[in-house]
Amino acid sequence: MNIFRLPRRIPRTHLLATLSRPFTLTALRSKNLPPRPKPPPDAEIEESFLKGSGPGGQKINKTNSAVQLKHVPTGIVVKSQATRSRSQNRKHARELLAQKVDDLLHGEQSRSSIVGQVKKKKAASAAKKSRRKYKKLDEEREAAGEEEGPEHSPRESEGSGQVQGETTIEETKHPQENNNRP
């Protein structure tokens, strides 16, 4: 009899059922964003490589790894120095230039403005939800305070009449702190 047993193979359909997520945010998105803008053709771009500056050590100050692109028809200039690699900076600068040209040509219908509107809408919704939550919480506290009666307000301390959370500091002079020494 073999005491070592190999694990049983699980059918793929079972794995897919357990790994799938039925409630994803991408399925809930009502309208898709426009596609990312394509960089303009190379004939419309003037490319130059510059010495970088800032953080990155001596290497970035000595090499021409920063990329500056100028879109000739519009006059838009973009500079990228995100990494120490010239090829990665070229790619990043082309993406930035494509975004800037898209903003100029399409205005409110550009991808970046639509993404900004979506982010603003989400932030406003979150703020509204937070206000609603704390307003409800305050109403519940007020209702609980009215049930106890006016003399037992939860914000006042017992017998002193002072609001809790406020502290008073009394200054006392100690004999050692006397500046008038004989």
N, C-alpha and C. Protein backbone atom coordinates (compact mmCIF):
# COMPACT_ATOMS: atom_id res chain seq x y z
N MET A 1 0.83 -1.17 0.00
CA MET A 1 0.00 0.00 0.00
C MET A 1 0.88 1.24 0.00
N ASN A 2 0.53 2.22 -0.83
CA ASN A 2 1.32 3.42 -0.99
C ASN A 2 0.82 4.49 -0.03
N ILE A 3 1.71 4.95 0.85
CA ILE A 3 1.28 5.96 1.82
C ILE A 3 1.38 7.37 1.26
N PHE A 4 2.17 7.54 0.20
CA PHE A 4 2.29 8.85 -0.44
C PHE A 4 1.27 8.94 -1.56
N ARG A 5 0.43 9.87 -1.46
CA ARG A 5 -0.62 10.00 -2.45
C ARG A 5 -0.50 11.38 -3.12
N LEU A 6 -0.57 11.41 -4.41
CA LEU A 6 -0.51 12.65 -5.15
C LEU A 6 -1.84 13.38 -5.05
N PRO A 7 -1.81 14.69 -5.06
CA PRO A 7 -3.08 15.42 -4.98
C PRO A 7 -3.94 15.20 -6.22
N ARG A 8 -5.23 15.18 -6.01
CA ARG A 8 -6.16 15.00 -7.11
C ARG A 8 -6.20 16.24 -7.97
N ARG A 9 -6.35 16.06 -9.23
CA ARG A 9 -6.42 17.19 -10.15
C ARG A 9 -7.82 17.77 -10.13
N ILE A 10 -7.91 19.09 -9.95
CA ILE A 10 -9.19 19.77 -9.88
C ILE A 10 -9.56 20.23 -11.29
N PRO A 11 -10.79 19.98 -11.72
CA PRO A 11 -11.18 20.43 -13.07
C PRO A 11 -11.10 21.95 -13.19
N ARG A 12 -10.75 22.42 -14.37
CA ARG A 12 -10.58 23.86 -14.60
C ARG A 12 -11.88 24.63 -14.40
N THR A 13 -13.00 24.04 -14.71
CA THR A 13 -14.26 24.76 -14.55
C THR A 13 -14.50 25.10 -13.09
N HIS A 14 -14.11 24.22 -12.20
CA HIS A 14 -14.28 24.48 -10.78
C HIS A 14 -13.38 25.63 -10.33
N LEU A 15 -12.15 25.66 -10.84
CA LEU A 15 -11.23 26.75 -10.49
C LEU A 15 -11.76 28.10 -10.98
N LEU A 16 -12.27 28.13 -12.19
CA LEU A 16 -12.77 29.39 -12.72
C LEU A 16 -13.96 29.90 -11.92
N ALA A 17 -14.77 28.98 -11.44
CA ALA A 17 -15.94 29.40 -10.67
C ALA A 17 -15.53 30.01 -9.34
N THR A 18 -14.47 29.48 -8.73
CA THR A 18 -14.06 30.01 -7.43
C THR A 18 -13.24 31.29 -7.57
N LEU A 19 -12.55 31.45 -8.71
CA LEU A 19 -11.69 32.61 -8.87
C LEU A 19 -12.42 33.80 -9.48
N SER A 20 -13.59 33.60 -10.05
CA SER A 20 -14.28 34.71 -10.68
C SER A 20 -14.87 35.64 -9.62
N ARG A 21 -14.93 36.90 -9.96
CA ARG A 21 -15.49 37.89 -9.04
C ARG A 21 -16.73 38.49 -9.70
N PRO A 22 -17.89 38.14 -9.22
CA PRO A 22 -19.09 38.62 -9.89
C PRO A 22 -19.34 40.12 -9.74
N PHE A 23 -18.84 40.72 -8.68
CA PHE A 23 -19.10 42.14 -8.44
C PHE A 23 -17.83 42.94 -8.68
N THR A 24 -17.59 43.30 -9.90
CA THR A 24 -16.40 44.08 -10.21
C THR A 24 -16.82 45.49 -10.61
N LEU A 25 -15.92 46.41 -10.41
CA LEU A 25 -16.23 47.80 -10.72
C LEU A 25 -16.26 48.07 -12.21
N THR A 26 -15.49 47.29 -12.99
CA THR A 26 -15.47 47.55 -14.42
C THR A 26 -16.81 47.22 -15.06
N ALA A 27 -17.53 46.25 -14.51
CA ALA A 27 -18.83 45.92 -15.06
C ALA A 27 -19.86 46.99 -14.73
N LEU A 28 -19.65 47.74 -13.66
CA LEU A 28 -20.61 48.75 -13.24
C LEU A 28 -20.43 50.08 -13.97
N ARG A 29 -19.30 50.27 -14.61
CA ARG A 29 -19.04 51.54 -15.29
C ARG A 29 -20.02 51.70 -16.44
N SER A 30 -20.79 52.78 -16.42
CA SER A 30 -21.86 52.95 -17.40
C SER A 30 -21.32 53.34 -18.77
N LYS A 31 -20.35 54.24 -18.82
CA LYS A 31 -19.80 54.60 -20.12
C LYS A 31 -18.29 54.43 -20.08
N ASN A 32 -17.76 53.94 -21.17
CA ASN A 32 -16.33 53.72 -21.25
C ASN A 32 -15.61 55.03 -21.56
N LEU A 33 -14.38 55.10 -21.13
CA LEU A 33 -13.56 56.26 -21.42
C LEU A 33 -13.09 56.20 -22.86
N PRO A 34 -12.82 57.34 -23.47
CA PRO A 34 -12.27 57.30 -24.83
C PRO A 34 -10.89 56.66 -24.80
N PRO A 35 -10.44 56.13 -25.93
CA PRO A 35 -9.12 55.48 -25.95
C PRO A 35 -8.01 56.48 -25.70
N ARG A 36 -6.89 55.96 -25.25
CA ARG A 36 -5.73 56.82 -25.01
C ARG A 36 -5.28 57.42 -26.35
N PRO A 37 -4.91 58.69 -26.34
CA PRO A 37 -4.53 59.33 -27.61
C PRO A 37 -3.21 58.77 -28.14
N LYS A 38 -3.13 58.68 -29.46
CA LYS A 38 -1.91 58.21 -30.12
C LYS A 38 -0.94 59.38 -30.27
N PRO A 39 0.35 59.12 -30.12
CA PRO A 39 1.32 60.20 -30.32
C PRO A 39 1.30 60.69 -31.77
N PRO A 40 1.57 61.96 -31.99
CA PRO A 40 1.60 62.48 -33.36
C PRO A 40 2.73 61.82 -34.16
N PRO A 41 2.66 61.87 -35.49
CA PRO A 41 3.73 61.26 -36.30
C PRO A 41 5.08 61.95 -36.06
N ASP A 42 6.14 61.20 -36.31
CA ASP A 42 7.50 61.71 -36.05
C ASP A 42 7.83 62.94 -36.90
N ALA A 43 7.18 63.09 -38.05
CA ALA A 43 7.46 64.23 -38.92
C ALA A 43 7.02 65.54 -38.27
N GLU A 44 6.06 65.49 -37.35
CA GLU A 44 5.55 66.70 -36.70
C GLU A 44 6.26 67.02 -35.39
N ILE A 45 7.26 66.21 -35.02
CA ILE A 45 7.91 66.36 -33.72
C ILE A 45 9.38 66.72 -33.90
N GLU A 46 9.81 67.73 -33.15
CA GLU A 46 11.25 68.02 -33.03
C GLU A 46 11.70 67.47 -31.69
N GLU A 47 12.72 66.62 -31.73
CA GLU A 47 13.17 65.94 -30.52
C GLU A 47 14.59 66.39 -30.17
N SER A 48 14.81 66.69 -28.89
CA SER A 48 16.15 67.04 -28.44
C SER A 48 16.39 66.41 -27.08
N PHE A 49 17.65 66.10 -26.83
CA PHE A 49 18.04 65.46 -25.57
C PHE A 49 18.86 66.46 -24.76
N LEU A 50 18.48 66.60 -23.50
CA LEU A 50 19.09 67.60 -22.63
C LEU A 50 19.70 66.93 -21.41
N LYS A 51 20.59 67.65 -20.75
CA LYS A 51 21.11 67.17 -19.48
C LYS A 51 20.05 67.39 -18.41
N GLY A 52 19.89 66.42 -17.55
CA GLY A 52 18.88 66.52 -16.51
C GLY A 52 19.36 67.34 -15.34
N SER A 53 18.46 67.54 -14.39
CA SER A 53 18.80 68.24 -13.16
C SER A 53 17.94 67.68 -12.05
N GLY A 54 18.29 68.02 -10.84
CA GLY A 54 17.50 67.58 -9.69
C GLY A 54 17.99 66.26 -9.13
N PRO A 55 17.10 65.52 -8.44
CA PRO A 55 17.52 64.27 -7.80
C PRO A 55 17.90 63.21 -8.84
N GLY A 56 18.77 62.32 -8.44
CA GLY A 56 19.23 61.27 -9.34
C GLY A 56 20.73 61.14 -9.32
N GLY A 57 21.38 61.98 -8.59
CA GLY A 57 22.82 61.87 -8.44
C GLY A 57 23.58 62.52 -9.57
N GLN A 58 24.88 62.27 -9.57
CA GLN A 58 25.76 62.88 -10.55
C GLN A 58 25.48 62.36 -11.96
N LYS A 59 25.04 61.11 -12.06
CA LYS A 59 24.79 60.50 -13.36
C LYS A 59 23.77 61.29 -14.17
N ILE A 60 22.70 61.72 -13.54
CA ILE A 60 21.64 62.44 -14.27
C ILE A 60 22.12 63.81 -14.70
N ASN A 61 23.07 64.39 -13.99
CA ASN A 61 23.58 65.71 -14.34
C ASN A 61 24.60 65.65 -15.48
N LYS A 62 25.21 64.48 -15.70
CA LYS A 62 26.26 64.35 -16.70
C LYS A 62 25.75 63.85 -18.05
N THR A 63 24.66 63.08 -18.06
CA THR A 63 24.21 62.46 -19.31
C THR A 63 23.03 63.23 -19.91
N ASN A 64 22.86 63.10 -21.21
CA ASN A 64 21.74 63.72 -21.92
C ASN A 64 20.57 62.74 -21.95
N SER A 65 19.98 62.49 -20.80
CA SER A 65 18.88 61.52 -20.74
C SER A 65 17.51 62.19 -20.71
N ALA A 66 17.44 63.48 -20.43
CA ALA A 66 16.15 64.17 -20.44
C ALA A 66 15.74 64.43 -21.89
N VAL A 67 14.45 64.29 -22.18
CA VAL A 67 13.94 64.42 -23.54
C VAL A 67 13.01 65.63 -23.61
N GLN A 68 13.19 66.44 -24.65
CA GLN A 68 12.30 67.57 -24.89
C GLN A 68 11.71 67.40 -26.29
N LEU A 69 10.38 67.39 -26.35
CA LEU A 69 9.68 67.25 -27.63
C LEU A 69 8.90 68.52 -27.91
N LYS A 70 8.93 68.93 -29.19
CA LYS A 70 8.15 70.10 -29.60
C LYS A 70 7.25 69.66 -30.75
N HIS A 71 5.96 69.89 -30.60
CA HIS A 71 5.00 69.60 -31.67
C HIS A 71 4.97 70.83 -32.57
N VAL A 72 5.49 70.69 -33.78
CA VAL A 72 5.69 71.84 -34.66
C VAL A 72 4.37 72.53 -35.03
N PRO A 73 3.30 71.81 -35.43
CA PRO A 73 2.07 72.53 -35.83
C PRO A 73 1.42 73.35 -34.71
N THR A 74 1.48 72.87 -33.48
CA THR A 74 0.81 73.58 -32.39
C THR A 74 1.77 74.38 -31.52
N GLY A 75 3.04 74.04 -31.51
CA GLY A 75 4.02 74.74 -30.69
C GLY A 75 4.09 74.23 -29.26
N ILE A 76 3.45 73.12 -28.96
CA ILE A 76 3.47 72.56 -27.61
C ILE A 76 4.84 71.95 -27.34
N VAL A 77 5.42 72.28 -26.18
CA VAL A 77 6.72 71.75 -25.78
C VAL A 77 6.54 70.92 -24.52
N VAL A 78 7.12 69.71 -24.52
CA VAL A 78 7.02 68.80 -23.39
C VAL A 78 8.42 68.32 -23.05
N LYS A 79 8.73 68.29 -21.75
CA LYS A 79 10.03 67.79 -21.29
C LYS A 79 9.79 66.67 -20.30
N SER A 80 10.55 65.58 -20.45
CA SER A 80 10.41 64.45 -19.54
C SER A 80 11.78 64.06 -19.00
N GLN A 81 11.83 63.89 -17.69
CA GLN A 81 13.05 63.47 -17.02
C GLN A 81 12.65 62.51 -15.90
N ALA A 82 11.65 61.68 -16.16
CA ALA A 82 11.09 60.81 -15.14
C ALA A 82 12.08 59.76 -14.67
N THR A 83 12.91 59.25 -15.58
CA THR A 83 13.85 58.19 -15.22
C THR A 83 15.25 58.57 -15.69
N ARG A 84 16.21 57.69 -15.42
CA ARG A 84 17.58 57.91 -15.88
C ARG A 84 17.79 57.32 -17.27
N SER A 85 16.79 56.64 -17.79
CA SER A 85 16.89 56.00 -19.10
C SER A 85 16.35 56.91 -20.19
N ARG A 86 17.13 57.09 -21.26
CA ARG A 86 16.70 57.95 -22.36
C ARG A 86 15.49 57.35 -23.08
N SER A 87 15.48 56.04 -23.29
CA SER A 87 14.38 55.42 -24.03
C SER A 87 13.06 55.51 -23.25
N GLN A 88 13.12 55.30 -21.94
CA GLN A 88 11.90 55.42 -21.14
C GLN A 88 11.41 56.87 -21.10
N ASN A 89 12.34 57.81 -21.04
CA ASN A 89 11.96 59.22 -21.06
C ASN A 89 11.34 59.61 -22.40
N ARG A 90 11.85 59.04 -23.51
CA ARG A 90 11.26 59.30 -24.84
C ARG A 90 9.82 58.82 -24.87
N LYS A 91 9.59 57.61 -24.36
CA LYS A 91 8.25 57.03 -24.36
C LYS A 91 7.30 57.89 -23.51
N HIS A 92 7.77 58.28 -22.33
CA HIS A 92 6.95 59.09 -21.42
C HIS A 92 6.65 60.46 -22.04
N ALA A 93 7.64 61.07 -22.69
CA ALA A 93 7.44 62.38 -23.30
C ALA A 93 6.44 62.29 -24.45
N ARG A 94 6.49 61.22 -25.23
CA ARG A 94 5.53 61.05 -26.33
C ARG A 94 4.11 60.89 -25.79
N GLU A 95 3.96 60.16 -24.68
CA GLU A 95 2.62 60.01 -24.07
C GLU A 95 2.10 61.36 -23.59
N LEU A 96 2.98 62.14 -22.94
CA LEU A 96 2.58 63.47 -22.47
C LEU A 96 2.19 64.39 -23.63
N LEU A 97 2.98 64.34 -24.70
CA LEU A 97 2.70 65.17 -25.86
C LEU A 97 1.37 64.78 -26.50
N ALA A 98 1.11 63.48 -26.60
CA ALA A 98 -0.16 63.01 -27.16
C ALA A 98 -1.33 63.51 -26.31
N GLN A 99 -1.17 63.49 -24.99
CA GLN A 99 -2.23 63.97 -24.09
C GLN A 99 -2.45 65.47 -24.26
N LYS A 100 -1.37 66.24 -24.35
CA LYS A 100 -1.50 67.70 -24.50
C LYS A 100 -2.15 68.06 -25.83
N VAL A 101 -1.77 67.37 -26.91
CA VAL A 101 -2.37 67.63 -28.22
C VAL A 101 -3.85 67.26 -28.20
N ASP A 102 -4.18 66.14 -27.55
CA ASP A 102 -5.58 65.71 -27.43
C ASP A 102 -6.39 66.76 -26.66
N ASP A 103 -5.82 67.30 -25.58
CA ASP A 103 -6.51 68.35 -24.82
C ASP A 103 -6.76 69.58 -25.69
N LEU A 104 -5.78 69.94 -26.50
CA LEU A 104 -5.92 71.12 -27.34
C LEU A 104 -6.96 70.91 -28.44
N LEU A 105 -6.94 69.73 -29.07
CA LEU A 105 -7.85 69.48 -30.19
C LEU A 105 -9.28 69.20 -29.75
N HIS A 106 -9.45 68.42 -28.68
CA HIS A 106 -10.79 67.98 -28.31
C HIS A 106 -11.40 68.74 -27.13
N GLY A 107 -10.62 69.47 -26.38
CA GLY A 107 -11.13 70.29 -25.28
C GLY A 107 -11.84 69.47 -24.22
N GLU A 108 -13.14 69.73 -24.04
CA GLU A 108 -13.93 69.05 -23.00
C GLU A 108 -14.15 67.57 -23.31
N GLN A 109 -13.99 67.17 -24.56
CA GLN A 109 -14.21 65.77 -24.94
C GLN A 109 -12.92 64.95 -24.90
N SER A 110 -11.81 65.54 -24.46
CA SER A 110 -10.55 64.79 -24.40
C SER A 110 -10.59 63.81 -23.24
N ARG A 111 -9.74 62.81 -23.32
CA ARG A 111 -9.71 61.76 -22.31
C ARG A 111 -9.37 62.32 -20.93
N SER A 112 -8.39 63.21 -20.85
CA SER A 112 -7.96 63.72 -19.54
C SER A 112 -9.06 64.55 -18.87
N SER A 113 -9.83 65.31 -19.65
CA SER A 113 -10.90 66.09 -19.03
C SER A 113 -12.04 65.19 -18.59
N ILE A 114 -12.32 64.13 -19.34
CA ILE A 114 -13.37 63.19 -18.93
C ILE A 114 -12.96 62.45 -17.67
N VAL A 115 -11.69 62.04 -17.59
CA VAL A 115 -11.19 61.37 -16.39
C VAL A 115 -11.27 62.32 -15.20
N GLY A 116 -10.93 63.59 -15.40
CA GLY A 116 -11.04 64.58 -14.33
C GLY A 116 -12.47 64.77 -13.86
N GLN A 117 -13.41 64.78 -14.80
CA GLN A 117 -14.83 64.92 -14.43
C GLN A 117 -15.30 63.72 -13.62
N VAL A 118 -14.87 62.52 -14.02
CA VAL A 118 -15.26 61.30 -13.30
C VAL A 118 -14.71 61.34 -11.88
N LYS A 119 -13.44 61.77 -11.73
CA LYS A 119 -12.84 61.86 -10.39
C LYS A 119 -13.55 62.90 -9.53
N LYS A 120 -13.90 64.05 -10.11
CA LYS A 120 -14.63 65.07 -9.36
C LYS A 120 -15.98 64.55 -8.91
N LYS A 121 -16.65 63.83 -9.80
CA LYS A 121 -17.97 63.30 -9.48
C LYS A 121 -17.88 62.29 -8.33
N LYS A 122 -16.86 61.43 -8.36
CA LYS A 122 -16.67 60.45 -7.29
C LYS A 122 -16.37 61.14 -5.97
N ALA A 123 -15.52 62.17 -6.01
CA ALA A 123 -15.17 62.89 -4.78
C ALA A 123 -16.39 63.61 -4.22
N ALA A 124 -17.20 64.21 -5.09
CA ALA A 124 -18.40 64.89 -4.62
C ALA A 124 -19.39 63.90 -4.01
N SER A 125 -19.49 62.73 -4.62
CA SER A 125 -20.39 61.70 -4.11
C SER A 125 -19.92 61.21 -2.74
N ALA A 126 -18.61 61.03 -2.59
CA ALA A 126 -18.07 60.58 -1.30
C ALA A 126 -18.29 61.65 -0.22
N ALA A 127 -18.11 62.92 -0.58
CA ALA A 127 -18.32 64.00 0.39
C ALA A 127 -19.79 64.08 0.79
N LYS A 128 -20.68 63.90 -0.17
CA LYS A 128 -22.11 63.93 0.12
C LYS A 128 -22.50 62.78 1.03
N LYS A 129 -21.93 61.62 0.77
CA LYS A 129 -22.22 60.45 1.60
C LYS A 129 -21.71 60.68 3.03
N SER A 130 -20.54 61.28 3.16
CA SER A 130 -19.98 61.57 4.48
C SER A 130 -20.84 62.58 5.23
N ARG A 131 -21.28 63.63 4.54
CA ARG A 131 -22.15 64.62 5.19
C ARG A 131 -23.45 63.98 5.66
N ARG A 132 -24.01 63.13 4.82
CA ARG A 132 -25.26 62.45 5.18
C ARG A 132 -25.06 61.57 6.40
N LYS A 133 -23.93 60.87 6.45
CA LYS A 133 -23.64 59.97 7.58
C LYS A 133 -23.52 60.75 8.88
N TYR A 134 -22.74 61.83 8.87
CA TYR A 134 -22.52 62.57 10.11
C TYR A 134 -23.74 63.39 10.51
N LYS A 135 -24.55 63.80 9.55
CA LYS A 135 -25.78 64.50 9.89
C LYS A 135 -26.72 63.54 10.62
N LYS A 136 -26.80 62.32 10.13
CA LYS A 136 -27.65 61.31 10.78
C LYS A 136 -27.11 61.00 12.18
N LEU A 137 -25.80 60.91 12.32
CA LEU A 137 -25.18 60.63 13.61
C LEU A 137 -25.46 61.76 14.60
N ASP A 138 -25.37 63.01 14.16
CA ASP A 138 -25.67 64.15 15.03
C ASP A 138 -27.14 64.15 15.46
N GLU A 139 -28.02 63.82 14.52
CA GLU A 139 -29.45 63.76 14.87
C GLU A 139 -29.71 62.69 15.91
N GLU A 140 -29.03 61.54 15.79
CA GLU A 140 -29.20 60.47 16.78
C GLU A 140 -28.68 60.91 18.15
N ARG A 141 -27.57 61.63 18.17
CA ARG A 141 -27.02 62.13 19.45
C ARG A 141 -27.96 63.13 20.09
N GLU A 142 -28.52 64.03 19.29
CA GLU A 142 -29.46 65.01 19.82
C GLU A 142 -30.71 64.33 20.37
N ALA A 143 -31.18 63.31 19.66
CA ALA A 143 -32.36 62.59 20.12
C ALA A 143 -32.06 61.87 21.43
N ALA A 144 -30.87 61.31 21.56
CA ALA A 144 -30.48 60.62 22.80
C ALA A 144 -30.33 61.64 23.93
N GLY A 145 -29.84 62.82 23.65
CA GLY A 145 -29.67 63.87 24.66
C GLY A 145 -31.00 64.39 25.15
N GLU A 146 -32.00 64.49 24.29
CA GLU A 146 -33.32 64.97 24.69
C GLU A 146 -34.03 63.96 25.57
N GLU A 147 -33.77 62.67 25.35
CA GLU A 147 -34.40 61.63 26.17
C GLU A 147 -33.90 61.68 27.60
N GLU A 148 -32.60 62.02 27.79
CA GLU A 148 -32.03 62.07 29.14
C GLU A 148 -32.50 63.30 29.90
N GLY A 149 -32.81 64.34 29.20
CA GLY A 149 -33.26 65.56 29.86
C GLY A 149 -32.24 66.66 29.71
N PRO A 150 -32.66 67.92 29.91
CA PRO A 150 -31.75 69.04 29.70
C PRO A 150 -30.66 69.16 30.76
N GLU A 151 -30.92 68.69 32.01
CA GLU A 151 -29.89 68.85 33.04
C GLU A 151 -28.77 67.83 32.89
N HIS A 152 -28.97 66.78 32.13
CA HIS A 152 -27.94 65.77 31.92
C HIS A 152 -27.47 65.78 30.48
N SER A 153 -27.01 66.91 30.05
CA SER A 153 -26.50 67.02 28.69
C SER A 153 -25.20 66.24 28.60
N PRO A 154 -24.97 65.48 27.53
CA PRO A 154 -23.75 64.67 27.44
C PRO A 154 -22.48 65.49 27.31
N ARG A 155 -22.56 66.76 26.95
CA ARG A 155 -21.36 67.56 26.76
C ARG A 155 -20.90 68.23 28.03
N GLU A 156 -21.76 68.33 29.05
CA GLU A 156 -21.37 69.02 30.27
C GLU A 156 -20.92 68.01 31.31
N SER A 157 -19.92 68.40 32.08
CA SER A 157 -19.45 67.51 33.14
C SER A 157 -20.35 67.65 34.35
N GLU A 158 -20.29 66.69 35.22
CA GLU A 158 -21.17 66.66 36.40
C GLU A 158 -20.84 67.80 37.36
N GLY A 159 -21.79 68.68 37.63
CA GLY A 159 -21.70 69.66 38.69
C GLY A 159 -20.84 70.87 38.41
N SER A 160 -19.89 70.83 37.49
CA SER A 160 -19.00 71.96 37.31
C SER A 160 -19.55 72.97 36.32
N GLY A 161 -20.40 72.53 35.40
CA GLY A 161 -20.95 73.45 34.42
C GLY A 161 -19.99 73.77 33.29
N GLN A 162 -18.80 73.15 33.27
CA GLN A 162 -17.85 73.38 32.20
C GLN A 162 -18.02 72.32 31.13
N VAL A 163 -17.74 72.71 29.92
CA VAL A 163 -17.81 71.77 28.81
C VAL A 163 -16.59 70.87 28.87
N GLN A 164 -16.81 69.56 28.67
CA GLN A 164 -15.69 68.64 28.71
C GLN A 164 -14.80 68.89 27.51
N GLY A 165 -13.54 68.60 27.67
CA GLY A 165 -12.58 68.79 26.60
C GLY A 165 -11.80 70.08 26.76
N GLU A 166 -12.33 71.05 27.48
CA GLU A 166 -11.60 72.29 27.73
C GLU A 166 -10.75 72.10 28.97
N THR A 167 -9.54 72.56 28.91
CA THR A 167 -8.67 72.45 30.07
C THR A 167 -8.24 73.85 30.48
N THR A 168 -8.13 74.03 31.77
CA THR A 168 -7.64 75.30 32.28
C THR A 168 -6.29 75.05 32.94
N ILE A 169 -5.39 75.96 32.70
CA ILE A 169 -4.05 75.82 33.25
C ILE A 169 -3.87 76.92 34.28
N GLU A 170 -3.53 76.52 35.49
CA GLU A 170 -3.29 77.49 36.55
C GLU A 170 -1.79 77.61 36.74
N GLU A 171 -1.32 78.83 36.82
CA GLU A 171 0.10 79.05 37.02
C GLU A 171 0.37 79.18 38.51
N THR A 172 1.33 78.42 38.96
CA THR A 172 1.76 78.51 40.35
C THR A 172 3.25 78.77 40.36
N LYS A 173 3.68 79.58 41.30
CA LYS A 173 5.11 79.87 41.41
C LYS A 173 5.70 79.00 42.51
N HIS A 174 6.77 78.37 42.14
CA HIS A 174 7.48 77.54 43.11
C HIS A 174 8.63 78.37 43.70
N PRO A 175 9.03 78.07 44.91
CA PRO A 175 10.11 78.86 45.51
C PRO A 175 11.42 78.76 44.73
N GLN A 176 11.66 77.65 44.02
CA GLN A 176 12.91 77.51 43.27
C GLN A 176 12.92 78.42 42.04
N GLU A 177 11.75 78.79 41.53
CA GLU A 177 11.68 79.58 40.31
C GLU A 177 11.77 81.08 40.58
N ASN A 178 11.94 81.48 41.83
CA ASN A 178 11.99 82.89 42.17
C ASN A 178 13.24 83.51 41.56
N ASN A 179 13.07 84.52 40.73
CA ASN A 179 14.20 85.16 40.06
C ASN A 179 14.92 86.15 40.96
N ASN A 180 14.30 86.59 42.06
CA ASN A 180 14.91 87.56 42.96
C ASN A 180 15.75 86.82 44.00
N ARG A 181 16.97 86.55 43.67
CA ARG A 181 17.85 85.85 44.61
C ARG A 181 18.60 86.87 45.46
N PRO A 182 18.77 86.62 46.77
CA PRO A 182 19.49 87.57 47.64
C PRO A 182 20.98 87.53 47.44
